[in-house]
């Protein structure tokens, strides 16, 4: 999945697969997480957020299952 860079102190880049509703987030520390069943609206809101890291912690992590990618 292609990820695009974002302005964030925590998040390095973000990718989204609309067909599978999968959000992929790369962090500056090198880890990558995939979040499943994420609607396109949530991806758009993350990309437009003033603080993508805060949006991730408040809106995505509590609501969508995530797993680390090897």
PDB file of N, CA and C in Angstrom:
ATOM      1  N   UNK A   1       0.842  -1.171   0.000  1.00  0.00           N
ATOM      2  CA  UNK A   1       0.000   0.000   0.000  1.00  0.00           C
ATOM      3  C   UNK A   1       0.892   1.241   0.000  1.00  0.00           C
ATOM      4  N   UNK A   2       0.571   2.183  -0.842  1.00  0.00           N
ATOM      5  CA  UNK A   2       1.349   3.429  -0.921  1.00  0.00           C
ATOM      6  C   UNK A   2       0.919   4.354   0.202  1.00  0.00           C
ATOM      7  N   UNK A   3       1.906   4.862   0.926  1.00  0.00           N
ATOM      8  CA  UNK A   3       1.630   5.806   2.009  1.00  0.00           C
ATOM      9  C   UNK A   3       2.174   7.173   1.626  1.00  0.00           C
ATOM     10  N   UNK A   4       1.476   8.222   2.060  1.00  0.00           N
ATOM     11  CA  UNK A   4       1.911   9.589   1.778  1.00  0.00           C
ATOM     12  C   UNK A   4       2.356  10.253   3.075  1.00  0.00           C
ATOM     13  N   UNK A   5       3.392  11.071   3.032  1.00  0.00           N
ATOM     14  CA  UNK A   5       3.877  11.750   4.232  1.00  0.00           C
ATOM     15  C   UNK A   5       2.834  12.722   4.795  1.00  0.00           C
ATOM     16  N   UNK A   6       2.841  12.861   6.124  1.00  0.00           N
ATOM     17  CA  UNK A   6       1.982  13.842   6.792  1.00  0.00           C
ATOM     18  C   UNK A   6       2.827  14.669   7.759  1.00  0.00           C
ATOM     19  N   UNK A   7       2.333  15.858   8.074  1.00  0.00           N
ATOM     20  CA  UNK A   7       2.993  16.731   9.047  1.00  0.00           C
ATOM     21  C   UNK A   7       2.538  16.312  10.439  1.00  0.00           C
ATOM     22  N   UNK A   8       3.410  15.626  11.162  1.00  0.00           N
ATOM     23  CA  UNK A   8       3.075  15.150  12.496  1.00  0.00           C
ATOM     24  C   UNK A   8       4.368  14.818  13.229  1.00  0.00           C
ATOM     25  N   UNK A   9       4.355  15.033  14.523  1.00  0.00           N
ATOM     26  CA  UNK A   9       5.528  14.685  15.322  1.00  0.00           C
ATOM     27  C   UNK A   9       5.583  13.186  15.619  1.00  0.00           C
ATOM     28  N   UNK A  10       4.477  12.482  15.411  1.00  0.00           N
ATOM     29  CA  UNK A  10       4.393  11.057  15.723  1.00  0.00           C
ATOM     30  C   UNK A  10       4.243  10.205  14.461  1.00  0.00           C
ATOM     31  N   UNK A  11       3.362  10.633  13.560  1.00  0.00           N
ATOM     32  CA  UNK A  11       3.043   9.865  12.356  1.00  0.00           C
ATOM     33  C   UNK A  11       3.940  10.313  11.204  1.00  0.00           C
ATOM     34  N   UNK A  12       4.560   9.350  10.536  1.00  0.00           N
ATOM     35  CA  UNK A  12       5.419   9.645   9.387  1.00  0.00           C
ATOM     36  C   UNK A  12       4.605   9.704   8.090  1.00  0.00           C
ATOM     37  N   UNK A  13       3.757   8.656   7.869  1.00  0.00           N
ATOM     38  CA  UNK A  13       2.992   8.593   6.633  1.00  0.00           C
ATOM     39  C   UNK A  13       1.723   7.777   6.820  1.00  0.00           C
ATOM     40  N   UNK A  14       0.784   7.965   5.878  1.00  0.00           N
ATOM     41  CA  UNK A  14      -0.532   7.334   5.972  1.00  0.00           C
ATOM     42  C   UNK A  14      -0.916   6.781   4.605  1.00  0.00           C
ATOM     43  N   UNK A  15      -1.440   5.555   4.594  1.00  0.00           N
ATOM     44  CA  UNK A  15      -1.989   4.948   3.386  1.00  0.00           C
ATOM     45  C   UNK A  15      -3.393   4.471   3.648  1.00  0.00           C
ATOM     46  N   UNK A  16      -4.182   4.346   2.573  1.00  0.00           N
ATOM     47  CA  UNK A  16      -5.559   3.881   2.735  1.00  0.00           C
ATOM     48  C   UNK A  16      -5.959   3.052   1.522  1.00  0.00           C
ATOM     49  N   UNK A  17      -6.545   1.889   1.785  1.00  0.00           N
ATOM     50  CA  UNK A  17      -7.089   1.028   0.740  1.00  0.00           C
ATOM     51  C   UNK A  17      -8.601   1.079   0.864  1.00  0.00           C
ATOM     52  N   UNK A  18      -9.250   1.861  -0.005  1.00  0.00           N
ATOM     53  CA  UNK A  18     -10.692   2.059   0.084  1.00  0.00           C
ATOM     54  C   UNK A  18     -11.460   0.769  -0.177  1.00  0.00           C
ATOM     55  N   UNK A  19     -10.958  -0.074  -1.073  1.00  0.00           N
ATOM     56  CA  UNK A  19     -11.648  -1.326  -1.402  1.00  0.00           C
ATOM     57  C   UNK A  19     -11.715  -2.264  -0.201  1.00  0.00           C
ATOM     58  N   UNK A  20     -10.689  -2.223   0.650  1.00  0.00           N
ATOM     59  CA  UNK A  20     -10.634  -3.110   1.818  1.00  0.00           C
ATOM     60  C   UNK A  20     -10.914  -2.381   3.131  1.00  0.00           C
ATOM     61  N   UNK A  21     -11.086  -1.058   3.071  1.00  0.00           N
ATOM     62  CA  UNK A  21     -11.306  -0.229   4.275  1.00  0.00           C
ATOM     63  C   UNK A  21     -10.176  -0.412   5.288  1.00  0.00           C
ATOM     64  N   UNK A  22      -8.939  -0.411   4.773  1.00  0.00           N
ATOM     65  CA  UNK A  22      -7.763  -0.594   5.629  1.00  0.00           C
ATOM     66  C   UNK A  22      -6.935   0.690   5.620  1.00  0.00           C
ATOM     67  N   UNK A  23      -6.646   1.170   6.816  1.00  0.00           N
ATOM     68  CA  UNK A  23      -5.813   2.352   7.020  1.00  0.00           C
ATOM     69  C   UNK A  23      -4.458   1.878   7.520  1.00  0.00           C
ATOM     70  N   UNK A  24      -3.397   2.363   6.911  1.00  0.00           N
ATOM     71  CA  UNK A  24      -2.045   1.971   7.319  1.00  0.00           C
ATOM     72  C   UNK A  24      -1.295   3.222   7.735  1.00  0.00           C
ATOM     73  N   UNK A  25      -0.701   3.167   8.919  1.00  0.00           N
ATOM     74  CA  UNK A  25      -0.003   4.326   9.459  1.00  0.00           C
ATOM     75  C   UNK A  25       1.427   3.942   9.809  1.00  0.00           C
ATOM     76  N   UNK A  26       2.375   4.693   9.249  1.00  0.00           N
ATOM     77  CA  UNK A  26       3.783   4.533   9.579  1.00  0.00           C
ATOM     78  C   UNK A  26       4.188   5.599  10.580  1.00  0.00           C
ATOM     79  N   UNK A  27       4.905   5.200  11.598  1.00  0.00           N
ATOM     80  CA  UNK A  27       5.323   6.115  12.653  1.00  0.00           C
ATOM     81  C   UNK A  27       6.805   6.455  12.506  1.00  0.00           C
ATOM     82  N   UNK A  28       7.194   7.577  13.059  1.00  0.00           N
ATOM     83  CA  UNK A  28       8.593   8.007  12.982  1.00  0.00           C
ATOM     84  C   UNK A  28       9.544   7.011  13.654  1.00  0.00           C
ATOM     85  N   UNK A  29       9.042   6.220  14.605  1.00  0.00           N
ATOM     86  CA  UNK A  29       9.908   5.246  15.270  1.00  0.00           C
ATOM     87  C   UNK A  29      10.119   3.975  14.442  1.00  0.00           C
ATOM     88  N   UNK A  30       9.507   3.939  13.235  1.00  0.00           N
ATOM     89  CA  UNK A  30       9.719   2.806  12.341  1.00  0.00           C
ATOM     90  C   UNK A  30       8.613   1.774  12.335  1.00  0.00           C
ATOM     91  N   UNK A  31       7.725   1.793  13.305  1.00  0.00           N
ATOM     92  CA  UNK A  31       6.633   0.819  13.325  1.00  0.00           C
ATOM     93  C   UNK A  31       5.543   1.225  12.343  1.00  0.00           C
ATOM     94  N   UNK A  32       4.812   0.212  11.869  1.00  0.00           N
ATOM     95  CA  UNK A  32       3.678   0.421  10.970  1.00  0.00           C
ATOM     96  C   UNK A  32       2.498  -0.347  11.543  1.00  0.00           C
ATOM     97  N   UNK A  33       1.350   0.302  11.581  1.00  0.00           N
ATOM     98  CA  UNK A  33       0.124  -0.342  12.050  1.00  0.00           C
ATOM     99  C   UNK A  33      -0.931  -0.288  10.969  1.00  0.00           C
ATOM    100  N   UNK A  34      -1.753  -1.344  10.924  1.00  0.00           N
ATOM    101  CA  UNK A  34      -2.919  -1.387  10.042  1.00  0.00           C
ATOM    102  C   UNK A  34      -4.172  -1.399  10.904  1.00  0.00           C
ATOM    103  N   UNK A  35      -5.112  -0.576  10.509  1.00  0.00           N
ATOM    104  CA  UNK A  35      -6.414  -0.493  11.175  1.00  0.00           C
ATOM    105  C   UNK A  35      -7.469  -0.922  10.174  1.00  0.00           C
ATOM    106  N   UNK A  36      -8.318  -1.855  10.583  1.00  0.00           N
ATOM    107  CA  UNK A  36      -9.300  -2.467   9.689  1.00  0.00           C
ATOM    108  C   UNK A  36     -10.693  -1.877   9.901  1.00  0.00           C
ATOM    109  N   UNK A  37     -11.506  -1.975   8.849  1.00  0.00           N
ATOM    110  CA  UNK A  37     -12.907  -1.517   8.862  1.00  0.00           C
ATOM    111  C   UNK A  37     -13.017  -0.004   9.046  1.00  0.00           C
ATOM    112  N   UNK A  38     -12.052   0.723   8.512  1.00  0.00           N
ATOM    113  CA  UNK A  38     -12.016   2.183   8.643  1.00  0.00           C
ATOM    114  C   UNK A  38     -12.724   2.815   7.447  1.00  0.00           C
ATOM    115  N   UNK A  39     -13.797   3.573   7.682  1.00  0.00           N
ATOM    116  CA  UNK A  39     -14.501   4.231   6.574  1.00  0.00           C
ATOM    117  C   UNK A  39     -13.632   5.309   5.923  1.00  0.00           C
ATOM    118  N   UNK A  40     -13.902   5.578   4.659  1.00  0.00           N
ATOM    119  CA  UNK A  40     -13.158   6.607   3.919  1.00  0.00           C
ATOM    120  C   UNK A  40     -13.261   7.966   4.609  1.00  0.00           C
ATOM    121  N   UNK A  41     -14.397   8.253   5.225  1.00  0.00           N
ATOM    122  CA  UNK A  41     -14.591   9.520   5.932  1.00  0.00           C
ATOM    123  C   UNK A  41     -13.552   9.703   7.019  1.00  0.00           C
ATOM    124  N   UNK A  42     -13.219   8.646   7.746  1.00  0.00           N
ATOM    125  CA  UNK A  42     -12.243   8.722   8.827  1.00  0.00           C
ATOM    126  C   UNK A  42     -10.850   8.992   8.248  1.00  0.00           C
ATOM    127  N   UNK A  43     -10.529   8.360   7.134  1.00  0.00           N
ATOM    128  CA  UNK A  43      -9.243   8.628   6.474  1.00  0.00           C
ATOM    129  C   UNK A  43      -9.160  10.090   6.058  1.00  0.00           C
ATOM    130  N   UNK A  44     -10.225  10.609   5.452  1.00  0.00           N
ATOM    131  CA  UNK A  44     -10.228  12.021   5.033  1.00  0.00           C
ATOM    132  C   UNK A  44     -10.059  12.944   6.233  1.00  0.00           C
ATOM    133  N   UNK A  45     -10.761  12.645   7.325  1.00  0.00           N
ATOM    134  CA  UNK A  45     -10.663  13.480   8.524  1.00  0.00           C
ATOM    135  C   UNK A  45      -9.261  13.424   9.126  1.00  0.00           C
ATOM    136  N   UNK A  46      -8.636  12.251   9.115  1.00  0.00           N
ATOM    137  CA  UNK A  46      -7.265  12.125   9.611  1.00  0.00           C
ATOM    138  C   UNK A  46      -6.324  12.994   8.781  1.00  0.00           C
ATOM    139  N   UNK A  47      -6.460  12.930   7.473  1.00  0.00           N
ATOM    140  CA  UNK A  47      -5.568  13.683   6.594  1.00  0.00           C
ATOM    141  C   UNK A  47      -5.774  15.194   6.720  1.00  0.00           C
ATOM    142  N   UNK A  48      -6.968  15.609   7.114  1.00  0.00           N
ATOM    143  CA  UNK A  48      -7.277  17.036   7.242  1.00  0.00           C
ATOM    144  C   UNK A  48      -7.093  17.558   8.662  1.00  0.00           C
ATOM    145  N   UNK A  49      -6.806  16.664   9.598  1.00  0.00           N
ATOM    146  CA  UNK A  49      -6.727  17.052  11.010  1.00  0.00           C
ATOM    147  C   UNK A  49      -5.556  17.995  11.263  1.00  0.00           C
ATOM    148  N   UNK A  50      -5.787  18.950  12.149  1.00  0.00           N
ATOM    149  CA  UNK A  50      -4.711  19.856  12.559  1.00  0.00           C
ATOM    150  C   UNK A  50      -3.593  19.068  13.237  1.00  0.00           C
ATOM    151  N   UNK A  51      -3.991  18.045  14.023  1.00  0.00           N
ATOM    152  CA  UNK A  51      -3.032  17.165  14.677  1.00  0.00           C
ATOM    153  C   UNK A  51      -3.391  15.714  14.345  1.00  0.00           C
ATOM    154  N   UNK A  52      -2.750  15.131  13.317  1.00  0.00           N
ATOM    155  CA  UNK A  52      -3.053  13.742  12.974  1.00  0.00           C
ATOM    156  C   UNK A  52      -2.834  12.769  14.136  1.00  0.00           C
ATOM    157  N   UNK A  53      -1.809  13.003  14.954  1.00  0.00           N
ATOM    158  CA  UNK A  53      -1.551  12.122  16.096  1.00  0.00           C
ATOM    159  C   UNK A  53      -2.683  12.148  17.104  1.00  0.00           C
ATOM    160  N   UNK A  54      -3.201  13.329  17.381  1.00  0.00           N
ATOM    161  CA  UNK A  54      -4.327  13.456  18.313  1.00  0.00           C
ATOM    162  C   UNK A  54      -5.574  12.796  17.740  1.00  0.00           C
ATOM    163  N   UNK A  55      -5.814  13.011  16.441  1.00  0.00           N
ATOM    164  CA  UNK A  55      -6.974  12.386  15.791  1.00  0.00           C
ATOM    165  C   UNK A  55      -6.857  10.859  15.869  1.00  0.00           C
ATOM    166  N   UNK A  56      -5.675  10.340  15.606  1.00  0.00           N
ATOM    167  CA  UNK A  56      -5.451   8.896  15.697  1.00  0.00           C
ATOM    168  C   UNK A  56      -5.793   8.379  17.089  1.00  0.00           C
ATOM    169  N   UNK A  57      -5.289   9.047  18.113  1.00  0.00           N
ATOM    170  CA  UNK A  57      -5.506   8.589  19.489  1.00  0.00           C
ATOM    171  C   UNK A  57      -6.953   8.725  19.942  1.00  0.00           C
ATOM    172  N   UNK A  58      -7.634   9.760  19.493  1.00  0.00           N
ATOM    173  CA  UNK A  58      -8.999  10.016  19.970  1.00  0.00           C
ATOM    174  C   UNK A  58     -10.069   9.321  19.141  1.00  0.00           C
ATOM    175  N   UNK A  59      -9.859   9.207  17.831  1.00  0.00           N
ATOM    176  CA  UNK A  59     -10.924   8.733  16.953  1.00  0.00           C
ATOM    177  C   UNK A  59     -10.689   7.359  16.334  1.00  0.00           C
ATOM    178  N   UNK A  60      -9.452   6.975  16.145  1.00  0.00           N
ATOM    179  CA  UNK A  60      -9.178   5.723  15.428  1.00  0.00           C
ATOM    180  C   UNK A  60      -8.854   4.578  16.381  1.00  0.00           C
ATOM    181  N   UNK A  61      -7.856   4.755  17.228  1.00  0.00           N
ATOM    182  CA  UNK A  61      -7.434   3.658  18.115  1.00  0.00           C
ATOM    183  C   UNK A  61      -8.569   3.105  18.972  1.00  0.00           C
ATOM    184  N   UNK A  62      -9.447   3.949  19.544  1.00  0.00           N
ATOM    185  CA  UNK A  62     -10.513   3.383  20.383  1.00  0.00           C
ATOM    186  C   UNK A  62     -11.614   2.655  19.604  1.00  0.00           C
ATOM    187  N   UNK A  63     -11.718   2.890  18.286  1.00  0.00           N
ATOM    188  CA  UNK A  63     -12.867   2.388  17.535  1.00  0.00           C
ATOM    189  C   UNK A  63     -12.552   1.311  16.512  1.00  0.00           C
ATOM    190  N   UNK A  64     -11.297   1.180  16.106  1.00  0.00           N
ATOM    191  CA  UNK A  64     -10.966   0.261  15.024  1.00  0.00           C
ATOM    192  C   UNK A  64      -9.852  -0.684  15.442  1.00  0.00           C
ATOM    193  N   UNK A  65      -9.991  -1.977  15.100  1.00  0.00           N
ATOM    194  CA  UNK A  65      -8.942  -2.931  15.448  1.00  0.00           C
ATOM    195  C   UNK A  65      -7.658  -2.634  14.691  1.00  0.00           C
ATOM    196  N   UNK A  66      -6.535  -2.627  15.392  1.00  0.00           N
ATOM    197  CA  UNK A  66      -5.255  -2.366  14.764  1.00  0.00           C
ATOM    198  C   UNK A  66      -4.271  -3.474  15.053  1.00  0.00           C
ATOM    199  N   UNK A  67      -3.324  -3.627  14.137  1.00  0.00           N
ATOM    200  CA  UNK A  67      -2.280  -4.633  14.357  1.00  0.00           C
ATOM    201  C   UNK A  67      -0.976  -4.137  13.755  1.00  0.00           C
ATOM    202  N   UNK A  68       0.111  -4.492  14.410  1.00  0.00           N
ATOM    203  CA  UNK A  68       1.430  -4.129  13.907  1.00  0.00           C
ATOM    204  C   UNK A  68       1.731  -4.945  12.648  1.00  0.00           C
ATOM    205  N   UNK A  69       2.400  -4.305  11.696  1.00  0.00           N
ATOM    206  CA  UNK A  69       2.788  -4.955  10.449  1.00  0.00           C
ATOM    207  C   UNK A  69       4.271  -5.296  10.556  1.00  0.00           C
ATOM    208  N   UNK A  70       4.607  -6.524  10.225  1.00  0.00           N
ATOM    209  CA  UNK A  70       6.011  -6.952  10.285  1.00  0.00           C
ATOM    210  C   UNK A  70       6.799  -6.376   9.142  1.00  0.00           C
TER     211      UNK A  70
END
